[in-house]
Amino acid sequence: MNNNLFNRRDALAMLGLATAGAAIAADDTAAPTKAKKKILLRSSWQTVNIGDIAHTPGVLQILRTHMPDAEITLWPSRVDNGVEELLRAEFPKLKIIKTAAQRKQAFEECEFLLHGSGPSLVAQKDVIRWREETQKPYGVYGITLPSKGSSSTKPTTEPAMAKTIEVLSGAEFVFFRDSHSLALAKEKGCQSKIMEFGPDGAFACDLREPEKANAFLKANDLQPGKFLCCIPRLRYTPYWTIKDRPFDEVKHARNEAMKEHDHAQLRRAIVEVVKTTDLKVLVCPEDQTQMKVGKELLVDPLPAEIRKRVVWRPNYWLTGEAVSTYVQSAGLFGNEMHSPIMCIGHGIPAIVCRWAEQTSKGYMWEDIGLGQWLFDLDNPADMPKIVPAVLEMAQNPDKAKQIAAAGRKVVEQRQAETMAVLKRSLA
């Protein structure tokens, strides 16, 4: 063999490969990179309720899981009371609009507006503004369509409902967080391209403040897996006690008329749990008005021997500390919705009691296969079932966790499916 010929051919081949590689590299440099999808998330309604706080990090977590390369800008109503700090710690790349100039820039740069989860089309006026100023597409993620708002004493007027339906009809998709809302939308003639059940974004909320939670649990001798959480709620949130709002005589009268009816079964459940198990019960709030409600209606009326194993939380907390507490509990029961949602999102059992003033959102428990843990306090037949359900959850924790896990699986499947719809809309 001619070694010189071999070496020459080898060198030429290597030179050719190098030249080709350089050309490819040059082409790659010249080729435009795929632009990140830019989404404007309209969310963060208020901070006096950990459920309203949870909507935003929940949707952000779903987006991060299924669309990790997307660039998200948050257009909030409120991120005060330490909420902004929680969000920035968990989502350091998140942009948050604070000024009119930043909103204008977001309108120019973002290609899609996503209205986050809520009790209604909360930011309807802002969706209309986006549509009129940008002519860009929008979608709605995990809302209730109420025939009467949760903070209203009167049904939604026909003109107001018709306007909401018109805005929803223009959306690329609308995901309703309960099937009753979906049915109402269809009944009212909604014509959105895609209308389906889509779980509340708060199911995916994973904000954490373990140091605060662990300090509270230690101070009150609450051991992991050895306590249940219980949450009170009045028919109408008495916002006039925590916000600059006038006293509402109609709402107050309704609260007073129903407060014993709505908490008697929870109190009985606390008594039976303490008597028949080794668990403690933590009475805790979902909003800033509920510490007082819990003390008055759940804790103070208890017999002294029962109160020894009941802990009352006297102060409000943020979502991170609440989640870090819930995940260490054996389960939760009460008259609220979003603490149960956050529990199921982490595989923790949760029982929901609902009534008409809460709109139809509670029916999402049926939609995710947890109908056995949903009780209607307006239905006399449901009342005697509450205490046995709480005891079953307390006494058979493994079975309860299996039920919770099944509900969580349904939610996560729907989250993946809804994100596939969003991806197609962005394509």
Protein backbone atom coordinates (compact mmCIF):
# COMPACT_ATOMS: atom_id res chain seq x y z
CA MET A 1 0.00 0.00 0.00
CA ASN A 2 1.19 3.51 -0.83
CA ASN A 3 1.19 5.20 2.55
CA ASN A 4 1.64 8.61 0.97
CA LEU A 5 -1.45 8.10 -1.20
CA PHE A 6 -3.43 6.90 1.79
CA ASN A 7 -2.39 9.81 3.91
CA ARG A 8 -3.17 12.27 1.12
CA ARG A 9 -6.60 10.81 0.53
CA ASP A 10 -7.24 10.74 4.25
CA ALA A 11 -6.22 14.35 4.60
CA LEU A 12 -8.40 15.41 1.66
CA ALA A 13 -11.36 13.55 3.18
CA MET A 14 -10.78 15.18 6.52
CA LEU A 15 -10.48 18.56 4.83
CA GLY A 16 -13.74 17.93 3.00
CA LEU A 17 -15.50 17.00 6.23
CA ALA A 18 -14.12 20.05 7.96
CA THR A 19 -15.20 22.30 5.10
CA ALA A 20 -18.66 20.76 5.05
CA GLY A 21 -18.90 21.10 8.81
CA ALA A 22 -17.93 24.73 8.61
CA ALA A 23 -20.57 25.31 5.95
CA ILE A 24 -23.21 23.60 8.07
CA ALA A 25 -22.18 25.65 11.07
CA ALA A 26 -22.37 28.80 9.00
CA ASP A 27 -25.81 27.82 7.76
CA ASP A 28 -26.93 27.13 11.35
CA THR A 29 -25.68 30.54 12.42
CA ALA A 30 -27.49 32.20 9.58
CA ALA A 31 -30.73 30.26 10.12
CA PRO A 32 -33.31 32.11 12.22
CA THR A 33 -33.90 30.61 15.67
CA LYS A 34 -37.41 29.54 16.54
CA ALA A 35 -39.02 32.37 18.48
CA LYS A 36 -40.45 31.63 21.88
CA LYS A 37 -44.21 31.75 22.21
CA LYS A 38 -45.24 34.79 24.24
CA ILE A 39 -48.41 34.49 26.32
CA LEU A 40 -50.13 37.20 28.35
CA LEU A 41 -51.80 35.66 31.41
CA ARG A 42 -54.65 37.75 32.85
CA SER A 43 -55.05 36.53 36.41
CA SER A 44 -54.36 37.28 40.12
CA TRP A 45 -57.71 38.69 41.19
CA GLN A 46 -57.09 39.44 44.88
CA THR A 47 -54.84 38.44 47.77
CA VAL A 48 -57.25 38.22 50.72
CA ASN A 49 -58.10 34.64 49.72
CA ILE A 50 -55.52 31.90 49.25
CA GLY A 51 -57.69 30.35 46.54
CA ASP A 52 -57.62 33.53 44.46
CA ILE A 53 -53.87 33.59 44.97
CA ALA A 54 -53.56 29.93 43.92
CA HIS A 55 -55.12 30.41 40.47
CA THR A 56 -52.04 32.15 39.10
CA PRO A 57 -49.20 29.86 40.26
CA GLY A 58 -51.39 26.91 39.29
CA VAL A 59 -51.77 28.02 35.67
CA LEU A 60 -48.10 29.06 35.58
CA GLN A 61 -47.10 25.59 36.77
CA ILE A 62 -49.26 23.93 34.09
CA LEU A 63 -47.67 26.14 31.43
CA ARG A 64 -44.19 25.44 32.76
CA THR A 65 -44.83 21.70 32.70
CA HIS A 66 -46.33 21.48 29.22
CA MET A 67 -44.85 24.53 27.48
CA PRO A 68 -41.48 25.07 29.18
CA ASP A 69 -40.14 27.29 26.39
CA ALA A 70 -43.04 29.75 26.45
CA GLU A 71 -42.45 33.26 27.77
CA ILE A 72 -45.21 34.30 30.18
CA THR A 73 -46.18 37.81 31.19
CA LEU A 74 -48.63 38.20 34.08
CA TRP A 75 -51.23 40.96 33.94
CA PRO A 76 -52.51 40.98 37.54
CA SER A 77 -55.23 42.76 39.44
CA ARG A 78 -53.34 42.46 42.74
CA VAL A 79 -50.10 40.85 43.85
CA ASP A 80 -49.70 42.68 47.18
CA ASN A 81 -49.44 41.24 50.71
CA GLY A 82 -46.29 39.28 49.82
CA VAL A 83 -47.81 37.44 46.86
CA GLU A 84 -45.50 39.01 44.28
CA GLU A 85 -42.48 37.79 46.25
CA LEU A 86 -43.90 34.26 46.36
CA LEU A 87 -44.50 34.26 42.60
CA ARG A 88 -41.07 35.63 41.74
CA ALA A 89 -39.36 33.08 43.98
CA GLU A 90 -41.14 30.19 42.26
CA PHE A 91 -41.14 31.64 38.73
CA PRO A 92 -38.00 33.81 38.45
CA LYS A 93 -38.43 34.40 34.69
CA LEU A 94 -42.00 35.67 35.06
CA LYS A 95 -42.69 39.19 33.85
CA ILE A 96 -45.30 41.09 35.87
CA ILE A 97 -47.07 44.14 34.47
CA LYS A 98 -47.15 47.08 36.84
CA THR A 99 -47.50 50.12 34.57
CA ALA A 100 -49.52 51.22 31.57
CA ALA A 101 -46.33 51.27 29.51
CA GLN A 102 -45.59 47.65 30.40
CA ARG A 103 -49.12 46.66 29.49
CA LYS A 104 -48.78 48.43 26.14
CA GLN A 105 -45.53 46.59 25.47
CA ALA A 106 -47.11 43.27 26.39
CA PHE A 107 -49.99 43.95 23.99
CA GLU A 108 -47.43 44.50 21.24
CA GLU A 109 -45.17 41.54 22.02
CA CYS A 110 -47.51 38.80 23.22
CA GLU A 111 -49.34 36.75 20.61
CA PHE A 112 -52.05 35.24 22.82
CA LEU A 113 -54.02 36.28 25.89
CA LEU A 114 -54.98 33.57 28.36
CA HIS A 115 -57.66 34.48 30.91
CA GLY A 116 -56.89 32.48 34.03
CA SER A 117 -59.16 30.54 36.37
CA GLY A 118 -61.80 32.36 38.37
CA PRO A 119 -65.42 32.51 39.53
CA SER A 120 -66.48 34.02 36.21
CA LEU A 121 -64.98 35.80 33.21
CA VAL A 122 -63.51 38.11 35.82
CA ALA A 123 -61.51 40.34 33.46
CA GLN A 124 -64.11 40.51 30.71
CA LYS A 125 -63.43 44.20 30.03
CA ASP A 126 -59.71 43.51 29.66
CA VAL A 127 -60.32 40.63 27.25
CA ILE A 128 -62.46 42.99 25.15
CA ARG A 129 -59.69 45.58 25.29
CA TRP A 130 -57.12 43.01 24.10
CA ARG A 131 -59.39 41.91 21.27
CA GLU A 132 -60.15 45.44 20.09
CA GLU A 133 -56.61 46.84 20.40
CA THR A 134 -54.64 43.87 19.06
CA GLN A 135 -57.02 41.70 16.99
CA LYS A 136 -55.01 38.78 18.42
CA PRO A 137 -56.51 35.51 19.70
CA TYR A 138 -57.45 34.71 23.28
CA GLY A 139 -58.57 31.74 25.35
CA VAL A 140 -60.24 31.16 28.72
CA TYR A 141 -58.89 28.65 31.21
CA GLY A 142 -60.95 27.07 33.99
CA ILE A 143 -63.79 29.43 34.88
CA THR A 144 -67.31 29.10 36.18
CA LEU A 145 -70.16 30.67 34.21
CA PRO A 146 -72.63 31.60 36.96
CA SER A 147 -76.28 32.45 36.50
CA LYS A 148 -75.74 34.50 39.67
CA GLY A 149 -72.34 35.65 40.84
CA SER A 150 -70.95 34.37 44.13
CA SER A 151 -70.81 37.91 45.50
CA SER A 152 -74.22 38.92 44.16
CA THR A 153 -77.67 38.60 45.68
CA LYS A 154 -79.41 38.96 42.32
CA PRO A 155 -79.26 36.84 39.14
CA THR A 156 -77.11 38.02 36.24
CA THR A 157 -79.22 40.12 33.88
CA GLU A 158 -79.90 38.83 30.38
CA PRO A 159 -77.98 41.68 28.68
CA ALA A 160 -74.96 41.06 30.93
CA MET A 161 -75.06 37.32 30.27
CA ALA A 162 -75.44 37.93 26.52
CA LYS A 163 -72.33 40.14 26.52
CA THR A 164 -70.30 37.51 28.36
CA ILE A 165 -71.47 34.84 25.91
CA GLU A 166 -70.44 37.08 23.01
CA VAL A 167 -66.93 37.48 24.43
CA LEU A 168 -66.63 33.75 25.16
CA SER A 169 -67.83 32.95 21.65
CA GLY A 170 -64.87 34.88 20.23
CA ALA A 171 -62.34 32.79 22.18
CA GLU A 172 -60.17 30.14 20.57
CA PHE A 173 -61.24 27.90 23.44
CA VAL A 174 -63.13 28.10 26.73
CA PHE A 175 -62.46 25.57 29.46
CA PHE A 176 -65.13 25.59 32.14
CA ARG A 177 -64.13 24.30 35.56
CA ASP A 178 -67.47 22.55 36.09
CA SER A 179 -69.82 20.79 33.70
CA HIS A 180 -72.83 22.82 34.86
CA SER A 181 -71.15 25.98 33.54
CA LEU A 182 -70.42 24.24 30.25
CA ALA A 183 -74.06 23.24 29.93
CA LEU A 184 -75.22 26.79 30.70
CA ALA A 185 -72.86 28.24 28.09
CA LYS A 186 -74.26 25.91 25.45
CA GLU A 187 -77.82 26.72 26.54
CA LYS A 188 -77.07 30.45 26.17
CA GLY A 189 -75.71 29.94 22.65
CA CYS A 190 -71.96 30.18 23.19
CA GLN A 191 -70.12 29.48 19.91
CA SER A 192 -66.46 29.24 20.91
CA LYS A 193 -64.45 26.89 18.67
CA ILE A 194 -63.72 24.60 21.61
CA MET A 195 -65.83 24.38 24.78
CA GLU A 196 -64.91 21.66 27.26
CA PHE A 197 -64.45 20.85 30.93
CA GLY A 198 -61.08 22.13 32.13
CA PRO A 199 -60.09 21.93 35.81
CA ASP A 200 -59.42 25.04 37.86
CA GLY A 201 -55.78 26.05 37.48
CA ALA A 202 -55.34 25.98 41.27
CA PHE A 203 -55.12 22.16 41.16
CA ALA A 204 -51.52 22.61 39.99
CA CYS A 205 -50.54 25.20 42.60
CA ASP A 206 -47.34 24.12 44.32
CA LEU A 207 -46.22 27.22 46.16
CA ARG A 208 -44.41 26.25 49.36
CA GLU A 209 -43.27 27.90 52.58
CA PRO A 210 -42.23 24.84 54.59
CA GLU A 211 -40.35 26.74 57.28
CA LYS A 212 -43.43 28.72 58.28
CA ALA A 213 -45.69 25.67 58.09
CA ASN A 214 -43.34 23.46 60.10
CA ALA A 215 -42.91 26.10 62.79
CA PHE A 216 -46.68 26.41 63.18
CA LEU A 217 -47.20 22.64 63.25
CA LYS A 218 -44.45 22.17 65.82
CA ALA A 219 -45.78 24.96 68.03
CA ASN A 220 -49.20 23.30 68.06
CA ASP A 221 -48.01 19.67 68.27
CA LEU A 222 -49.55 18.74 64.93
CA GLN A 223 -47.76 15.66 63.62
CA PRO A 224 -47.61 14.78 59.90
CA GLY A 225 -50.51 12.51 58.98
CA LYS A 226 -52.07 12.92 62.42
CA PHE A 227 -54.46 15.81 61.85
CA LEU A 228 -57.33 16.87 59.63
CA CYS A 229 -57.97 20.41 58.44
CA CYS A 230 -61.40 22.01 58.66
CA ILE A 231 -62.41 25.26 56.96
CA PRO A 232 -65.50 27.35 57.81
CA ARG A 233 -67.32 29.72 55.47
CA LEU A 234 -70.36 31.98 55.56
CA ARG A 235 -72.83 32.13 52.67
CA TYR A 236 -71.44 35.51 51.59
CA THR A 237 -67.90 36.64 52.37
CA PRO A 238 -68.28 39.71 54.63
CA TYR A 239 -65.80 41.80 52.67
CA TRP A 240 -67.01 44.90 54.50
CA THR A 241 -65.04 43.66 57.52
CA ILE A 242 -61.69 43.57 55.67
CA LYS A 243 -62.09 45.97 52.72
CA ASP A 244 -63.33 49.50 52.27
CA ARG A 245 -66.84 48.41 51.37
CA PRO A 246 -70.20 49.39 52.84
CA PHE A 247 -72.00 47.04 55.18
CA ASP A 248 -74.40 44.80 53.24
CA GLU A 249 -77.52 44.20 55.29
CA VAL A 250 -78.98 41.61 52.89
CA LYS A 251 -75.84 39.46 52.84
CA HIS A 252 -75.33 39.80 56.58
CA ALA A 253 -78.91 38.68 57.25
CA ARG A 254 -78.45 35.63 55.04
CA ASN A 255 -75.19 34.76 56.79
CA GLU A 256 -76.78 35.03 60.21
CA ALA A 257 -79.76 32.93 59.17
CA MET A 258 -77.62 30.08 57.77
CA LYS A 259 -74.42 30.08 59.81
CA GLU A 260 -75.49 27.47 62.36
CA HIS A 261 -77.09 25.29 59.70
CA ASP A 262 -73.92 25.42 57.60
CA HIS A 263 -71.49 24.63 60.43
CA ALA A 264 -73.36 22.21 62.69
CA GLN A 265 -72.33 19.15 60.66
CA LEU A 266 -68.70 20.27 60.54
CA ARG A 267 -68.73 20.68 64.32
CA ARG A 268 -70.27 17.24 64.77
CA ALA A 269 -67.60 15.78 62.50
CA ILE A 270 -64.86 17.37 64.60
CA VAL A 271 -66.34 15.85 67.76
CA GLU A 272 -66.59 12.37 66.23
CA VAL A 273 -63.07 12.50 64.79
CA VAL A 274 -61.62 13.42 68.17
CA LYS A 275 -63.70 10.76 69.97
CA THR A 276 -63.06 7.86 67.62
CA THR A 277 -59.52 8.43 66.27
CA ASP A 278 -56.15 9.69 67.49
CA LEU A 279 -56.24 12.58 65.03
CA LYS A 280 -56.30 16.26 65.90
CA VAL A 281 -58.26 18.86 63.92
CA LEU A 282 -56.85 22.15 62.67
CA VAL A 283 -59.48 24.84 62.08
CA CYS A 284 -57.90 27.17 59.52
CA PRO A 285 -58.93 29.89 57.04
CA GLU A 286 -59.10 30.25 53.29
CA ASP A 287 -59.72 33.98 53.45
CA GLN A 288 -59.07 36.80 55.89
CA THR A 289 -62.61 36.74 57.34
CA GLN A 290 -62.65 33.10 58.37
CA MET A 291 -60.49 33.03 61.48
CA LYS A 292 -63.29 34.73 63.40
CA VAL A 293 -65.93 32.51 61.80
CA GLY A 294 -64.05 29.35 62.73
CA LYS A 295 -63.63 30.38 66.34
CA GLU A 296 -67.27 31.41 66.76
CA LEU A 297 -68.96 28.55 64.95
CA LEU A 298 -66.56 25.61 65.19
CA VAL A 299 -64.18 25.96 68.13
CA ASP A 300 -65.90 27.87 70.93
CA PRO A 301 -69.07 25.69 71.02
CA LEU A 302 -67.06 22.47 71.40
CA PRO A 303 -67.01 20.60 74.73
CA ALA A 304 -63.84 21.34 76.73
CA GLU A 305 -62.50 17.80 76.41
CA ILE A 306 -62.82 17.95 72.62
CA ARG A 307 -61.16 21.37 72.34
CA LYS A 308 -57.98 19.90 73.81
CA ARG A 309 -57.34 18.20 70.46
CA VAL A 310 -58.53 21.05 68.26
CA VAL A 311 -56.15 23.76 67.08
CA TRP A 312 -57.50 27.13 65.96
CA ARG A 313 -55.33 29.18 63.64
CA PRO A 314 -55.87 32.82 64.68
CA ASN A 315 -54.19 34.54 61.74
CA TYR A 316 -54.35 34.53 57.95
CA TRP A 317 -51.69 32.81 55.87
CA LEU A 318 -50.57 32.84 52.27
CA THR A 319 -50.94 29.98 49.82
CA GLY A 320 -47.40 28.64 50.21
CA GLU A 321 -47.74 28.09 53.96
CA ALA A 322 -51.23 26.64 53.52
CA VAL A 323 -50.11 24.11 50.88
CA SER A 324 -47.10 23.16 53.00
CA THR A 325 -49.55 22.44 55.83
CA TYR A 326 -52.20 20.62 53.79
CA VAL A 327 -49.71 18.16 52.33
CA GLN A 328 -48.80 17.04 55.85
CA SER A 329 -52.42 16.51 56.87
CA ALA A 330 -54.53 13.36 56.70
CA GLY A 331 -57.20 15.27 54.77
CA LEU A 332 -59.48 18.28 54.74
CA PHE A 333 -63.19 18.99 55.02
CA GLY A 334 -65.27 22.13 55.12
CA ASN A 335 -67.31 24.74 53.29
CA GLU A 336 -64.64 26.06 50.92
CA MET A 337 -63.51 25.07 47.43
CA HIS A 338 -59.91 25.98 46.76
CA SER A 339 -58.24 24.42 49.77
CA PRO A 340 -59.81 21.09 48.71
CA ILE A 341 -58.61 21.77 45.16
CA MET A 342 -55.04 22.28 46.34
CA CYS A 343 -55.28 19.15 48.48
CA ILE A 344 -56.44 16.93 45.61
CA GLY A 345 -53.73 18.44 43.42
CA HIS A 346 -51.26 16.87 45.86
CA GLY A 347 -53.14 13.63 46.47
CA ILE A 348 -54.56 14.68 49.84
CA PRO A 349 -58.22 13.66 50.51
CA ALA A 350 -60.72 16.53 50.62
CA ILE A 351 -64.46 16.79 51.27
CA VAL A 352 -66.43 19.74 49.88
CA CYS A 353 -69.67 21.18 51.24
CA ARG A 354 -71.42 23.59 48.88
CA TRP A 355 -74.55 25.72 48.55
CA ALA A 356 -76.28 27.79 45.88
CA GLU A 357 -74.51 31.04 46.81
CA GLN A 358 -71.20 29.45 45.82
CA THR A 359 -72.37 29.04 42.20
CA SER A 360 -71.89 25.71 40.44
CA LYS A 361 -68.14 25.39 40.99
CA GLY A 362 -68.48 22.62 43.56
CA TYR A 363 -69.80 20.26 40.90
CA MET A 364 -66.26 19.93 39.55
CA TRP A 365 -65.91 17.24 42.27
CA GLU A 366 -68.37 15.13 40.27
CA ASP A 367 -66.50 15.95 37.07
CA ILE A 368 -63.25 14.50 38.41
CA GLY A 369 -64.85 11.44 39.98
CA LEU A 370 -65.11 12.66 43.58
CA GLY A 371 -68.89 12.91 43.82
CA GLN A 372 -68.86 10.83 47.01
CA TRP A 373 -66.99 13.72 48.68
CA LEU A 374 -69.41 16.46 47.57
CA PHE A 375 -72.33 17.49 49.78
CA ASP A 376 -75.02 20.07 49.09
CA LEU A 377 -76.06 21.89 52.25
CA ASP A 378 -79.21 23.07 50.48
CA ASN A 379 -80.26 19.42 50.10
CA PRO A 380 -81.64 17.98 53.38
CA ALA A 381 -80.82 14.45 52.19
CA ASP A 382 -77.09 15.28 52.07
CA MET A 383 -76.83 16.65 55.61
CA PRO A 384 -76.68 13.34 57.54
CA LYS A 385 -74.05 11.97 55.15
CA ILE A 386 -71.34 14.49 56.01
CA VAL A 387 -70.17 13.17 59.39
CA PRO A 388 -69.94 9.53 58.20
CA ALA A 389 -67.93 10.64 55.15
CA VAL A 390 -65.45 12.59 57.32
CA LEU A 391 -65.10 9.62 59.69
CA GLU A 392 -64.53 7.23 56.78
CA MET A 393 -61.78 9.51 55.48
CA ALA A 394 -60.22 9.72 58.94
CA GLN A 395 -60.46 6.03 59.80
CA ASN A 396 -59.40 4.61 56.43
CA PRO A 397 -56.57 6.86 55.26
CA ASP A 398 -55.16 4.44 52.66
CA LYS A 399 -58.51 4.12 50.90
CA ALA A 400 -59.03 7.88 51.08
CA LYS A 401 -55.66 8.52 49.48
CA GLN A 402 -56.49 6.09 46.68
CA ILE A 403 -59.69 8.01 45.97
CA ALA A 404 -57.80 11.32 46.02
CA ALA A 405 -55.13 9.93 43.71
CA ALA A 406 -57.77 8.86 41.19
CA GLY A 407 -59.24 12.36 41.17
CA ARG A 408 -55.78 13.85 40.74
CA LYS A 409 -55.12 11.58 37.77
CA VAL A 410 -58.26 12.83 36.00
CA VAL A 411 -57.19 16.42 36.61
CA GLU A 412 -53.66 15.90 35.31
CA GLN A 413 -54.95 14.15 32.19
CA ARG A 414 -57.22 17.08 31.44
CA GLN A 415 -54.38 19.53 32.09
CA ALA A 416 -52.30 17.80 29.41
CA GLU A 417 -55.23 17.79 26.99
CA THR A 418 -56.02 21.47 27.54
CA MET A 419 -52.39 22.44 26.97
CA ALA A 420 -52.44 20.52 23.68
CA VAL A 421 -55.33 22.76 22.64
CA LEU A 422 -53.38 25.87 23.61
CA LYS A 423 -50.37 24.68 21.60
CA ARG A 424 -52.55 24.23 18.51
CA SER A 425 -54.01 27.70 19.00
CA LEU A 426 -50.52 29.18 19.17
CA ALA A 427 -49.36 27.23 16.11
